Amino acid sequence: MIEDVVSLFENDHELPTYNKIRGAYVDIGKGFSEKMLVETELKIALVLDSKNCNRDHHWNKLISRWKKRWSSS
């Protein structure tokens, strides 16, 4: 199921927003948890970085996103 959502974004140039990823789970009619969303974000970042000459670009953006998300709680 995670791979289904990852495949939706594998040709994007930027990491999709948290809400776009959540929406993808809703669109395919699957339930999701925060753990699944985090794993999906990670896998998307790794796929996008594997196609990018700046190898850690999406990974670094994801780390920043996670810091913002969890430090404000």
PDB file of N, CA and C in Angstrom:
ATOM      1  N   MET A   1       0.818  -1.189   0.000  1.00  0.00           N
ATOM      2  CA  MET A   1       0.000   0.000   0.000  1.00  0.00           C
ATOM      3  C   MET A   1       0.869   1.262   0.000  1.00  0.00           C
ATOM      4  N   ILE A   2       1.920   1.281   0.792  1.00  0.00           N
ATOM      5  CA  ILE A   2       2.821   2.434   0.813  1.00  0.00           C
ATOM      6  C   ILE A   2       3.444   2.625  -0.563  1.00  0.00           C
ATOM      7  N   GLU A   3       3.813   1.518  -1.184  1.00  0.00           N
ATOM      8  CA  GLU A   3       4.429   1.593  -2.512  1.00  0.00           C
ATOM      9  C   GLU A   3       3.471   2.186  -3.545  1.00  0.00           C
ATOM     10  N   ASP A   4       2.160   1.941  -3.373  1.00  0.00           N
ATOM     11  CA  ASP A   4       1.168   2.517  -4.285  1.00  0.00           C
ATOM     12  C   ASP A   4       1.199   4.042  -4.223  1.00  0.00           C
ATOM     13  N   VAL A   5       1.298   4.577  -3.027  1.00  0.00           N
ATOM     14  CA  VAL A   5       1.329   6.028  -2.858  1.00  0.00           C
ATOM     15  C   VAL A   5       2.675   6.582  -3.322  1.00  0.00           C
ATOM     16  N   VAL A   6       3.751   5.899  -2.994  1.00  0.00           N
ATOM     17  CA  VAL A   6       5.074   6.338  -3.442  1.00  0.00           C
ATOM     18  C   VAL A   6       5.102   6.430  -4.962  1.00  0.00           C
ATOM     19  N   SER A   7       4.519   5.459  -5.634  1.00  0.00           N
ATOM     20  CA  SER A   7       4.533   5.456  -7.095  1.00  0.00           C
ATOM     21  C   SER A   7       3.795   6.652  -7.692  1.00  0.00           C
ATOM     22  N   LEU A   8       2.839   7.204  -6.973  1.00  0.00           N
ATOM     23  CA  LEU A   8       2.112   8.384  -7.459  1.00  0.00           C
ATOM     24  C   LEU A   8       3.008   9.614  -7.538  1.00  0.00           C
ATOM     25  N   PHE A   9       4.044   9.648  -6.717  1.00  0.00           N
ATOM     26  CA  PHE A   9       4.888  10.837  -6.613  1.00  0.00           C
ATOM     27  C   PHE A   9       6.313  10.631  -7.123  1.00  0.00           C
ATOM     28  N   GLU A  10       6.634   9.444  -7.617  1.00  0.00           N
ATOM     29  CA  GLU A  10       8.015   9.138  -7.970  1.00  0.00           C
ATOM     30  C   GLU A  10       8.561   9.968  -9.131  1.00  0.00           C
ATOM     31  N   ASN A  11       7.712  10.582  -9.911  1.00  0.00           N
ATOM     32  CA  ASN A  11       8.183  11.407 -11.025  1.00  0.00           C
ATOM     33  C   ASN A  11       8.118  12.903 -10.727  1.00  0.00           C
ATOM     34  N   ASP A  12       7.734  13.252  -9.501  1.00  0.00           N
ATOM     35  CA  ASP A  12       7.707  14.664  -9.100  1.00  0.00           C
ATOM     36  C   ASP A  12       9.125  15.186  -8.944  1.00  0.00           C
ATOM     37  N   HIS A  13       9.256  16.490  -8.975  1.00  0.00           N
ATOM     38  CA  HIS A  13      10.569  17.100  -8.778  1.00  0.00           C
ATOM     39  C   HIS A  13      10.771  17.569  -7.341  1.00  0.00           C
ATOM     40  N   GLU A  14       9.675  17.728  -6.623  1.00  0.00           N
ATOM     41  CA  GLU A  14       9.750  18.154  -5.231  1.00  0.00           C
ATOM     42  C   GLU A  14       8.973  17.180  -4.353  1.00  0.00           C
ATOM     43  N   LEU A  15       9.342  17.142  -3.109  1.00  0.00           N
ATOM     44  CA  LEU A  15       8.665  16.317  -2.127  1.00  0.00           C
ATOM     45  C   LEU A  15       7.231  16.819  -1.955  1.00  0.00           C
ATOM     46  N   PRO A  16       6.230  15.947  -2.096  1.00  0.00           N
ATOM     47  CA  PRO A  16       4.852  16.399  -1.922  1.00  0.00           C
ATOM     48  C   PRO A  16       4.596  16.798  -0.475  1.00  0.00           C
ATOM     49  N   THR A  17       3.633  17.658  -0.289  1.00  0.00           N
ATOM     50  CA  THR A  17       3.296  18.090   1.067  1.00  0.00           C
ATOM     51  C   THR A  17       2.686  16.932   1.846  1.00  0.00           C
ATOM     52  N   TYR A  18       2.696  17.084   3.141  1.00  0.00           N
ATOM     53  CA  TYR A  18       2.084  16.111   4.040  1.00  0.00           C
ATOM     54  C   TYR A  18       0.618  15.907   3.657  1.00  0.00           C
ATOM     55  N   ASN A  19      -0.081  17.006   3.369  1.00  0.00           N
ATOM     56  CA  ASN A  19      -1.499  16.911   3.034  1.00  0.00           C
ATOM     57  C   ASN A  19      -1.726  16.213   1.691  1.00  0.00           C
ATOM     58  N   LYS A  20      -0.837  16.388   0.730  1.00  0.00           N
ATOM     59  CA  LYS A  20      -0.975  15.691  -0.547  1.00  0.00           C
ATOM     60  C   LYS A  20      -0.802  14.191  -0.355  1.00  0.00           C
ATOM     61  N   ILE A  21       0.114  13.810   0.503  1.00  0.00           N
ATOM     62  CA  ILE A  21       0.324  12.384   0.771  1.00  0.00           C
ATOM     63  C   ILE A  21      -0.899  11.801   1.477  1.00  0.00           C
ATOM     64  N   ARG A  22      -1.422  12.525   2.457  1.00  0.00           N
ATOM     65  CA  ARG A  22      -2.650  12.071   3.135  1.00  0.00           C
ATOM     66  C   ARG A  22      -3.785  11.938   2.137  1.00  0.00           C
ATOM     67  N   GLY A  23      -3.910  12.918   1.254  1.00  0.00           N
ATOM     68  CA  GLY A  23      -4.956  12.880   0.237  1.00  0.00           C
ATOM     69  C   GLY A  23      -4.823  11.694  -0.697  1.00  0.00           C
ATOM     70  N   ALA A  24      -3.593  11.301  -0.990  1.00  0.00           N
ATOM     71  CA  ALA A  24      -3.373  10.145  -1.855  1.00  0.00           C
ATOM     72  C   ALA A  24      -3.911   8.875  -1.204  1.00  0.00           C
ATOM     73  N   TYR A  25      -3.726   8.734   0.102  1.00  0.00           N
ATOM     74  CA  TYR A  25      -4.278   7.574   0.794  1.00  0.00           C
ATOM     75  C   TYR A  25      -5.801   7.594   0.746  1.00  0.00           C
ATOM     76  N   VAL A  26      -6.385   8.754   0.921  1.00  0.00           N
ATOM     77  CA  VAL A  26      -7.844   8.883   0.848  1.00  0.00           C
ATOM     78  C   VAL A  26      -8.329   8.554  -0.562  1.00  0.00           C
ATOM     79  N   ASP A  27      -7.624   9.074  -1.572  1.00  0.00           N
ATOM     80  CA  ASP A  27      -8.026   8.852  -2.962  1.00  0.00           C
ATOM     81  C   ASP A  27      -8.009   7.375  -3.359  1.00  0.00           C
ATOM     82  N   ILE A  28      -7.063   6.619  -2.826  1.00  0.00           N
ATOM     83  CA  ILE A  28      -7.019   5.197  -3.179  1.00  0.00           C
ATOM     84  C   ILE A  28      -7.889   4.358  -2.234  1.00  0.00           C
ATOM     85  N   GLY A  29      -8.563   5.033  -1.308  1.00  0.00           N
ATOM     86  CA  GLY A  29      -9.502   4.344  -0.432  1.00  0.00           C
ATOM     87  C   GLY A  29      -8.861   3.504   0.647  1.00  0.00           C
ATOM     88  N   LYS A  30      -7.670   3.893   1.073  1.00  0.00           N
ATOM     89  CA  LYS A  30      -6.967   3.143   2.103  1.00  0.00           C
ATOM     90  C   LYS A  30      -6.852   3.976   3.371  1.00  0.00           C
ATOM     91  N   GLY A  31      -6.880   3.296   4.491  1.00  0.00           N
ATOM     92  CA  GLY A  31      -6.645   3.965   5.754  1.00  0.00           C
ATOM     93  C   GLY A  31      -5.161   4.211   5.935  1.00  0.00           C
ATOM     94  N   PHE A  32      -4.819   5.090   6.865  1.00  0.00           N
ATOM     95  CA  PHE A  32      -3.418   5.389   7.101  1.00  0.00           C
ATOM     96  C   PHE A  32      -3.231   5.824   8.545  1.00  0.00           C
ATOM     97  N   SER A  33      -2.002   5.730   8.978  1.00  0.00           N
ATOM     98  CA  SER A  33      -1.625   6.169  10.317  1.00  0.00           C
ATOM     99  C   SER A  33      -0.456   7.143  10.177  1.00  0.00           C
ATOM    100  N   GLU A  34      -0.127   7.808  11.246  1.00  0.00           N
ATOM    101  CA  GLU A  34       1.024   8.720  11.228  1.00  0.00           C
ATOM    102  C   GLU A  34       2.291   7.951  10.881  1.00  0.00           C
ATOM    103  N   LYS A  35       2.425   6.749  11.405  1.00  0.00           N
ATOM    104  CA  LYS A  35       3.601   5.920  11.101  1.00  0.00           C
ATOM    105  C   LYS A  35       3.701   5.651   9.597  1.00  0.00           C
ATOM    106  N   MET A  36       2.581   5.328   8.964  1.00  0.00           N
ATOM    107  CA  MET A  36       2.583   5.073   7.521  1.00  0.00           C
ATOM    108  C   MET A  36       2.926   6.335   6.737  1.00  0.00           C
ATOM    109  N   LEU A  37       2.422   7.470   7.185  1.00  0.00           N
ATOM    110  CA  LEU A  37       2.713   8.723   6.493  1.00  0.00           C
ATOM    111  C   LEU A  37       4.197   9.056   6.575  1.00  0.00           C
ATOM    112  N   VAL A  38       4.793   8.854   7.732  1.00  0.00           N
ATOM    113  CA  VAL A  38       6.221   9.112   7.898  1.00  0.00           C
ATOM    114  C   VAL A  38       7.032   8.169   7.016  1.00  0.00           C
ATOM    115  N   GLU A  39       6.668   6.905   7.008  1.00  0.00           N
ATOM    116  CA  GLU A  39       7.376   5.943   6.160  1.00  0.00           C
ATOM    117  C   GLU A  39       7.218   6.291   4.682  1.00  0.00           C
ATOM    118  N   THR A  40       6.035   6.741   4.302  1.00  0.00           N
ATOM    119  CA  THR A  40       5.792   7.134   2.910  1.00  0.00           C
ATOM    120  C   THR A  40       6.624   8.350   2.546  1.00  0.00           C
ATOM    121  N   GLU A  41       6.651   9.354   3.428  1.00  0.00           N
ATOM    122  CA  GLU A  41       7.486  10.540   3.184  1.00  0.00           C
ATOM    123  C   GLU A  41       8.943  10.141   2.977  1.00  0.00           C
ATOM    124  N   LEU A  42       9.423   9.258   3.837  1.00  0.00           N
ATOM    125  CA  LEU A  42      10.810   8.803   3.743  1.00  0.00           C
ATOM    126  C   LEU A  42      11.079   8.106   2.411  1.00  0.00           C
ATOM    127  N   LYS A  43      10.211   7.197   2.032  1.00  0.00           N
ATOM    128  CA  LYS A  43      10.417   6.458   0.786  1.00  0.00           C
ATOM    129  C   LYS A  43      10.350   7.372  -0.431  1.00  0.00           C
ATOM    130  N   ILE A  44       9.439   8.339  -0.414  1.00  0.00           N
ATOM    131  CA  ILE A  44       9.358   9.284  -1.527  1.00  0.00           C
ATOM    132  C   ILE A  44      10.643  10.091  -1.612  1.00  0.00           C
ATOM    133  N   ALA A  45      11.144  10.566  -0.475  1.00  0.00           N
ATOM    134  CA  ALA A  45      12.392  11.345  -0.466  1.00  0.00           C
ATOM    135  C   ALA A  45      13.552  10.524  -1.011  1.00  0.00           C
ATOM    136  N   LEU A  46      13.637   9.265  -0.630  1.00  0.00           N
ATOM    137  CA  LEU A  46      14.715   8.407  -1.115  1.00  0.00           C
ATOM    138  C   LEU A  46      14.610   8.171  -2.618  1.00  0.00           C
ATOM    139  N   VAL A  47      13.388   7.954  -3.119  1.00  0.00           N
ATOM    140  CA  VAL A  47      13.197   7.747  -4.558  1.00  0.00           C
ATOM    141  C   VAL A  47      13.578   9.006  -5.325  1.00  0.00           C
ATOM    142  N   LEU A  48      13.113  10.153  -4.858  1.00  0.00           N
ATOM    143  CA  LEU A  48      13.415  11.407  -5.552  1.00  0.00           C
ATOM    144  C   LEU A  48      14.909  11.716  -5.511  1.00  0.00           C
ATOM    145  N   ASP A  49      15.551  11.473  -4.386  1.00  0.00           N
ATOM    146  CA  ASP A  49      16.992  11.717  -4.283  1.00  0.00           C
ATOM    147  C   ASP A  49      17.801  10.773  -5.162  1.00  0.00           C
ATOM    148  N   SER A  50      17.295   9.572  -5.378  1.00  0.00           N
ATOM    149  CA  SER A  50      18.031   8.628  -6.225  1.00  0.00           C
ATOM    150  C   SER A  50      18.067   9.093  -7.682  1.00  0.00           C
ATOM    151  N   LYS A  51      17.154   9.975  -8.057  1.00  0.00           N
ATOM    152  CA  LYS A  51      17.089  10.490  -9.428  1.00  0.00           C
ATOM    153  C   LYS A  51      17.691  11.882  -9.561  1.00  0.00           C
ATOM    154  N   ASN A  52      18.187  12.424  -8.466  1.00  0.00           N
ATOM    155  CA  ASN A  52      18.651  13.809  -8.430  1.00  0.00           C
ATOM    156  C   ASN A  52      20.170  13.834  -8.277  1.00  0.00           C
ATOM    157  N   CYS A  53      20.829  14.753  -8.956  1.00  0.00           N
ATOM    158  CA  CYS A  53      22.289  14.847  -8.822  1.00  0.00           C
ATOM    159  C   CYS A  53      22.686  15.401  -7.451  1.00  0.00           C
ATOM    160  N   ASN A  54      21.820  16.156  -6.816  1.00  0.00           N
ATOM    161  CA  ASN A  54      22.042  16.651  -5.460  1.00  0.00           C
ATOM    162  C   ASN A  54      21.408  15.637  -4.506  1.00  0.00           C
ATOM    163  N   ARG A  55      22.140  14.588  -4.185  1.00  0.00           N
ATOM    164  CA  ARG A  55      21.609  13.372  -3.580  1.00  0.00           C
ATOM    165  C   ARG A  55      20.811  13.542  -2.290  1.00  0.00           C
ATOM    166  N   ASP A  56      21.106  14.511  -1.472  1.00  0.00           N
ATOM    167  CA  ASP A  56      20.401  14.637  -0.192  1.00  0.00           C
ATOM    168  C   ASP A  56      19.409  15.786  -0.163  1.00  0.00           C
ATOM    169  N   HIS A  57      19.088  16.336  -1.312  1.00  0.00           N
ATOM    170  CA  HIS A  57      18.190  17.497  -1.377  1.00  0.00           C
ATOM    171  C   HIS A  57      16.837  17.218  -0.708  1.00  0.00           C
ATOM    172  N   HIS A  58      16.157  16.171  -1.120  1.00  0.00           N
ATOM    173  CA  HIS A  58      14.827  15.860  -0.585  1.00  0.00           C
ATOM    174  C   HIS A  58      14.908  15.328   0.843  1.00  0.00           C
ATOM    175  N   TRP A  59      15.958  14.588   1.133  1.00  0.00           N
ATOM    176  CA  TRP A  59      16.154  14.084   2.488  1.00  0.00           C
ATOM    177  C   TRP A  59      16.296  15.253   3.463  1.00  0.00           C
ATOM    178  N   ASN A  60      17.087  16.246   3.110  1.00  0.00           N
ATOM    179  CA  ASN A  60      17.269  17.412   3.985  1.00  0.00           C
ATOM    180  C   ASN A  60      15.970  18.190   4.157  1.00  0.00           C
ATOM    181  N   LYS A  61      15.198  18.319   3.088  1.00  0.00           N
ATOM    182  CA  LYS A  61      13.894  18.983   3.195  1.00  0.00           C
ATOM    183  C   LYS A  61      12.970  18.206   4.130  1.00  0.00           C
ATOM    184  N   LEU A  62      13.020  16.887   4.036  1.00  0.00           N
ATOM    185  CA  LEU A  62      12.179  16.055   4.883  1.00  0.00           C
ATOM    186  C   LEU A  62      12.569  16.192   6.355  1.00  0.00           C
ATOM    187  N   ILE A  63      13.837  16.207   6.641  1.00  0.00           N
ATOM    188  CA  ILE A  63      14.286  16.384   8.032  1.00  0.00           C
ATOM    189  C   ILE A  63      13.784  17.722   8.579  1.00  0.00           C
ATOM    190  N   SER A  64      13.882  18.774   7.776  1.00  0.00           N
ATOM    191  CA  SER A  64      13.377  20.087   8.201  1.00  0.00           C
ATOM    192  C   SER A  64      11.875  20.046   8.449  1.00  0.00           C
ATOM    193  N   ARG A  65      11.166  19.357   7.563  1.00  0.00           N
ATOM    194  CA  ARG A  65       9.707  19.231   7.720  1.00  0.00           C
ATOM    195  C   ARG A  65       9.368  18.527   9.020  1.00  0.00           C
ATOM    196  N   TRP A  66      10.066  17.431   9.300  1.00  0.00           N
ATOM    197  CA  TRP A  66       9.799  16.693  10.523  1.00  0.00           C
ATOM    198  C   TRP A  66      10.111  17.522  11.758  1.00  0.00           C
ATOM    199  N   LYS A  67      11.200  18.270  11.730  1.00  0.00           N
ATOM    200  CA  LYS A  67      11.553  19.119  12.887  1.00  0.00           C
ATOM    201  C   LYS A  67      10.453  20.125  13.145  1.00  0.00           C
ATOM    202  N   LYS A  68       9.960  20.760  12.086  1.00  0.00           N
ATOM    203  CA  LYS A  68       8.868  21.747  12.240  1.00  0.00           C
ATOM    204  C   LYS A  68       7.598  21.083  12.753  1.00  0.00           C
ATOM    205  N   ARG A  69       7.271  19.940  12.204  1.00  0.00           N
ATOM    206  CA  ARG A  69       6.029  19.246  12.585  1.00  0.00           C
ATOM    207  C   ARG A  69       6.040  18.817  14.042  1.00  0.00           C
ATOM    208  N   TRP A  70       7.138  18.245  14.487  1.00  0.00           N
ATOM    209  CA  TRP A  70       7.163  17.664  15.819  1.00  0.00           C
ATOM    210  C   TRP A  70       7.677  18.600  16.899  1.00  0.00           C
ATOM    211  N   SER A  71       8.333  19.682  16.536  1.00  0.00           N
ATOM    212  CA  SER A  71       8.784  20.607  17.574  1.00  0.00           C
ATOM    213  C   SER A  71       7.673  21.553  17.992  1.00  0.00           C
ATOM    214  N   SER A  72       6.647  21.707  17.148  1.00  0.00           N
ATOM    215  CA  SER A  72       5.561  22.617  17.476  1.00  0.00           C
ATOM    216  C   SER A  72       4.476  21.947  18.311  1.00  0.00           C
ATOM    217  N   SER A  73       4.615  20.651  18.530  1.00  0.00           N
ATOM    218  CA  SER A  73       3.591  19.906  19.309  1.00  0.00           C
ATOM    219  C   SER A  73       3.829  20.041  20.778  1.00  0.00           C
TER     220      SER A  73
END
